[in-house]
Amino acid sequence: MTMGDETPVTSLIMPVLIRPILSQLERRDIVASQTLRAALSKVEAVHPGFTYDFVVGIMRQGELSVNMNESMLRLQG
């Protein structure tokens, strides 16, 4: 998957995965949370799919094997 590929999983990354993380960060550092939220929103608007690629890249660096479709659906509820 590359930036610009819009799939249901790609569109779920922000609301299902990233926003809850930023909400937790907000309790510790509101400025950092707001800065990250704004930056991710801006880059996602210009490059749809960036957040998905970013998360997948982090998982690759950590050598984690995760089924993103299954994980997003489970997190969604």
Protein backbone atom coordinates (compact mmCIF):
# COMPACT_ATOMS: atom_id res chain seq x y z
CA MET A 1 0.00 0.00 0.00
CA THR A 2 1.27 3.43 -0.83
CA MET A 3 0.16 6.93 0.03
CA GLY A 4 -2.98 7.77 -1.84
CA ASP A 5 -4.41 4.25 -1.63
CA GLU A 6 -7.67 4.81 0.21
CA THR A 7 -8.99 1.63 1.79
CA PRO A 8 -11.28 1.19 4.78
CA VAL A 9 -8.25 0.30 6.90
CA THR A 10 -6.39 3.41 5.79
CA SER A 11 -9.30 5.64 6.75
CA LEU A 12 -9.62 3.95 10.18
CA ILE A 13 -6.02 4.59 11.29
CA MET A 14 -6.61 8.15 12.52
CA PRO A 15 -9.89 7.72 14.43
CA VAL A 16 -9.33 4.19 15.73
CA LEU A 17 -5.59 4.09 16.46
CA ILE A 18 -3.97 7.52 16.46
CA ARG A 19 -6.65 9.67 18.16
CA PRO A 20 -6.85 7.48 21.29
CA ILE A 21 -3.05 7.56 21.56
CA LEU A 22 -3.05 11.35 21.23
CA SER A 23 -5.79 11.60 23.85
CA GLN A 24 -3.62 9.67 26.29
CA LEU A 25 -0.63 11.87 25.43
CA GLU A 26 -2.80 14.94 26.02
CA ARG A 27 -3.07 14.02 29.71
CA ARG A 28 0.71 14.27 30.02
CA ASP A 29 1.58 16.99 27.52
CA ILE A 30 -1.26 18.90 25.90
CA VAL A 31 1.01 20.97 23.64
CA ALA A 32 2.79 17.90 22.26
CA SER A 33 -0.53 16.18 21.65
CA GLN A 34 -2.01 19.16 19.85
CA THR A 35 1.14 19.64 17.78
CA LEU A 36 1.20 16.00 16.67
CA ARG A 37 -2.55 16.01 15.96
CA ALA A 38 -2.25 19.14 13.79
CA ALA A 39 0.83 17.85 11.96
CA LEU A 40 -0.73 14.45 11.23
CA SER A 41 -3.98 16.04 10.09
CA LYS A 42 -2.15 18.40 7.73
CA VAL A 43 0.06 15.73 6.19
CA GLU A 44 -2.89 13.33 5.85
CA ALA A 45 -4.86 16.03 4.01
CA VAL A 46 -2.02 16.53 1.53
CA HIS A 47 -0.89 12.88 1.33
CA PRO A 48 -3.82 10.55 2.06
CA GLY A 49 -2.55 7.27 3.49
CA PHE A 50 0.53 8.79 5.12
CA THR A 51 -0.56 7.82 8.63
CA TYR A 52 -1.14 4.23 7.54
CA ASP A 53 2.30 4.08 5.91
CA PHE A 54 3.83 5.67 9.01
CA VAL A 55 2.28 3.07 11.35
CA VAL A 56 3.26 0.20 9.05
CA GLY A 57 6.82 1.58 8.88
CA ILE A 58 7.05 1.68 12.68
CA MET A 59 5.84 -1.92 12.87
CA ARG A 60 8.39 -3.01 10.27
CA GLN A 61 11.20 -1.33 12.21
CA GLY A 62 10.03 -3.16 15.32
CA GLU A 63 9.89 -6.39 13.32
CA LEU A 64 6.22 -6.83 14.27
CA SER A 65 3.91 -8.89 12.11
CA VAL A 66 0.40 -7.48 12.40
CA ASN A 67 -2.65 -8.00 10.22
CA MET A 68 -3.77 -4.38 9.88
CA ASN A 69 -7.24 -5.24 8.55
CA GLU A 70 -8.00 -7.52 11.47
CA SER A 71 -6.44 -5.20 14.04
CA MET A 72 -8.35 -2.11 12.90
CA LEU A 73 -11.65 -3.99 12.84
CA ARG A 74 -11.04 -5.36 16.34
CA LEU A 75 -10.07 -1.93 17.70
CA GLN A 76 -13.09 -0.35 16.06
CA GLY A 77 -15.35 -2.52 18.16
